[in-house]
Amino acid sequence: MRYASPQCEDFIVACRYEGKMKNCKTLIKRSLIATGYCCSFNYHYNNDRSRQFVQPDIYSFNYGDVENIE
């Protein structure tokens, strides 16, 4: 998946930070998220490759078996 997804520099063409043009490669980093890769700015976990993704349980009051419907 890492090599199949687009590189950030393929679609981010210009970066401005604090009113000045910057090299996008120094501002935007490719981050692994639960659904694949994402280009991120100022993302805390950019360099933490040891993270494990866990799908959280989803709870809803109207999900699942329904009983006693009149």
C-alpha atoms as a PDB file:
ATOM      1  CA  MET A   1       0.000   0.000   0.000  1.00  0.00           C
ATOM      2  CA  ARG A   2       2.861   2.349   0.778  1.00  0.00           C
ATOM      3  CA  TYR A   3       4.124   2.297  -2.790  1.00  0.00           C
ATOM      4  CA  ALA A   4       0.695   2.193  -4.440  1.00  0.00           C
ATOM      5  CA  SER A   5      -0.622   5.378  -2.840  1.00  0.00           C
ATOM      6  CA  PRO A   6       0.276   8.764  -4.359  1.00  0.00           C
ATOM      7  CA  GLN A   7       3.209  10.732  -3.014  1.00  0.00           C
ATOM      8  CA  CYS A   8       2.368  14.031  -1.318  1.00  0.00           C
ATOM      9  CA  GLU A   9       4.448  16.008  -3.799  1.00  0.00           C
ATOM     10  CA  ASP A  10       2.348  14.564  -6.650  1.00  0.00           C
ATOM     11  CA  PHE A  11      -0.659  16.681  -5.706  1.00  0.00           C
ATOM     12  CA  ILE A  12       0.510  19.362  -3.233  1.00  0.00           C
ATOM     13  CA  VAL A  13       2.115  21.956  -5.457  1.00  0.00           C
ATOM     14  CA  ALA A  14       2.761  24.948  -3.178  1.00  0.00           C
ATOM     15  CA  CYS A  15       3.023  25.575   0.554  1.00  0.00           C
ATOM     16  CA  ARG A  16       2.779  28.843   2.415  1.00  0.00           C
ATOM     17  CA  TYR A  17       3.459  28.945   6.148  1.00  0.00           C
ATOM     18  CA  GLU A  18       3.504  32.045   8.325  1.00  0.00           C
ATOM     19  CA  GLY A  19       3.033  34.148   5.196  1.00  0.00           C
ATOM     20  CA  LYS A  20       6.111  32.773   3.412  1.00  0.00           C
ATOM     21  CA  MET A  21       6.481  30.236   0.638  1.00  0.00           C
ATOM     22  CA  LYS A  22       8.109  27.056   1.950  1.00  0.00           C
ATOM     23  CA  ASN A  23       9.386  23.806   0.531  1.00  0.00           C
ATOM     24  CA  CYS A  24       6.427  21.437   0.923  1.00  0.00           C
ATOM     25  CA  LYS A  25       8.725  18.491   1.635  1.00  0.00           C
ATOM     26  CA  THR A  26       9.758  20.160   4.902  1.00  0.00           C
ATOM     27  CA  LEU A  27       6.163  20.870   5.998  1.00  0.00           C
ATOM     28  CA  ILE A  28       4.071  17.980   4.716  1.00  0.00           C
ATOM     29  CA  LYS A  29       4.803  14.425   5.798  1.00  0.00           C
ATOM     30  CA  ARG A  30       3.264  11.165   4.737  1.00  0.00           C
ATOM     31  CA  SER A  31       1.506   9.565   7.705  1.00  0.00           C
ATOM     32  CA  LEU A  32       0.147   6.077   8.201  1.00  0.00           C
ATOM     33  CA  ILE A  33      -3.454   6.192   9.369  1.00  0.00           C
ATOM     34  CA  ALA A  34      -6.044   3.446   9.908  1.00  0.00           C
ATOM     35  CA  THR A  35      -7.274   3.603   6.301  1.00  0.00           C
ATOM     36  CA  GLY A  36      -3.917   3.953   4.557  1.00  0.00           C
ATOM     37  CA  TYR A  37      -1.554   6.869   4.018  1.00  0.00           C
ATOM     38  CA  CYS A  38      -2.308  10.554   4.306  1.00  0.00           C
ATOM     39  CA  CYS A  39      -0.339  13.757   3.747  1.00  0.00           C
ATOM     40  CA  SER A  40      -0.297  15.670   7.001  1.00  0.00           C
ATOM     41  CA  PHE A  41       0.889  18.950   8.415  1.00  0.00           C
ATOM     42  CA  ASN A  42       1.783  19.324  12.086  1.00  0.00           C
ATOM     43  CA  TYR A  43       0.739  15.744  12.884  1.00  0.00           C
ATOM     44  CA  HIS A  44       2.021  14.490  16.249  1.00  0.00           C
ATOM     45  CA  TYR A  45       2.500  10.836  15.278  1.00  0.00           C
ATOM     46  CA  ASN A  46       4.298  11.402  11.977  1.00  0.00           C
ATOM     47  CA  ASN A  47       7.378   9.409  12.878  1.00  0.00           C
ATOM     48  CA  ASP A  48       5.883   6.770  15.180  1.00  0.00           C
ATOM     49  CA  ARG A  49       5.945   3.678  12.967  1.00  0.00           C
ATOM     50  CA  SER A  50       5.381   1.365  15.942  1.00  0.00           C
ATOM     51  CA  ARG A  51       1.766   2.446  16.422  1.00  0.00           C
ATOM     52  CA  GLN A  52      -0.854  -0.268  16.213  1.00  0.00           C
ATOM     53  CA  PHE A  53      -4.266   0.479  14.754  1.00  0.00           C
ATOM     54  CA  VAL A  54      -7.231  -0.931  16.632  1.00  0.00           C
ATOM     55  CA  GLN A  55     -10.728  -0.770  15.210  1.00  0.00           C
ATOM     56  CA  PRO A  56     -12.876   0.639  18.026  1.00  0.00           C
ATOM     57  CA  ASP A  57     -16.180  -0.993  18.919  1.00  0.00           C
ATOM     58  CA  ILE A  58     -19.121   0.966  17.573  1.00  0.00           C
ATOM     59  CA  TYR A  59     -22.184   1.325  19.758  1.00  0.00           C
ATOM     60  CA  SER A  60     -25.545   2.709  18.745  1.00  0.00           C
ATOM     61  CA  PHE A  61     -28.988   2.655  20.303  1.00  0.00           C
ATOM     62  CA  ASN A  62     -30.557   1.460  17.050  1.00  0.00           C
ATOM     63  CA  TYR A  63     -28.007  -1.079  15.845  1.00  0.00           C
ATOM     64  CA  GLY A  64     -28.353  -4.848  16.045  1.00  0.00           C
ATOM     65  CA  ASP A  65     -31.286  -7.162  16.690  1.00  0.00           C
ATOM     66  CA  VAL A  66     -34.636  -5.553  17.266  1.00  0.00           C
ATOM     67  CA  GLU A  67     -37.195  -7.388  19.402  1.00  0.00           C
ATOM     68  CA  ASN A  68     -40.819  -6.767  20.261  1.00  0.00           C
ATOM     69  CA  ILE A  69     -41.627  -4.472  17.351  1.00  0.00           C
ATOM     70  CA  GLU A  70     -45.360  -3.833  17.253  1.00  0.00           C
END
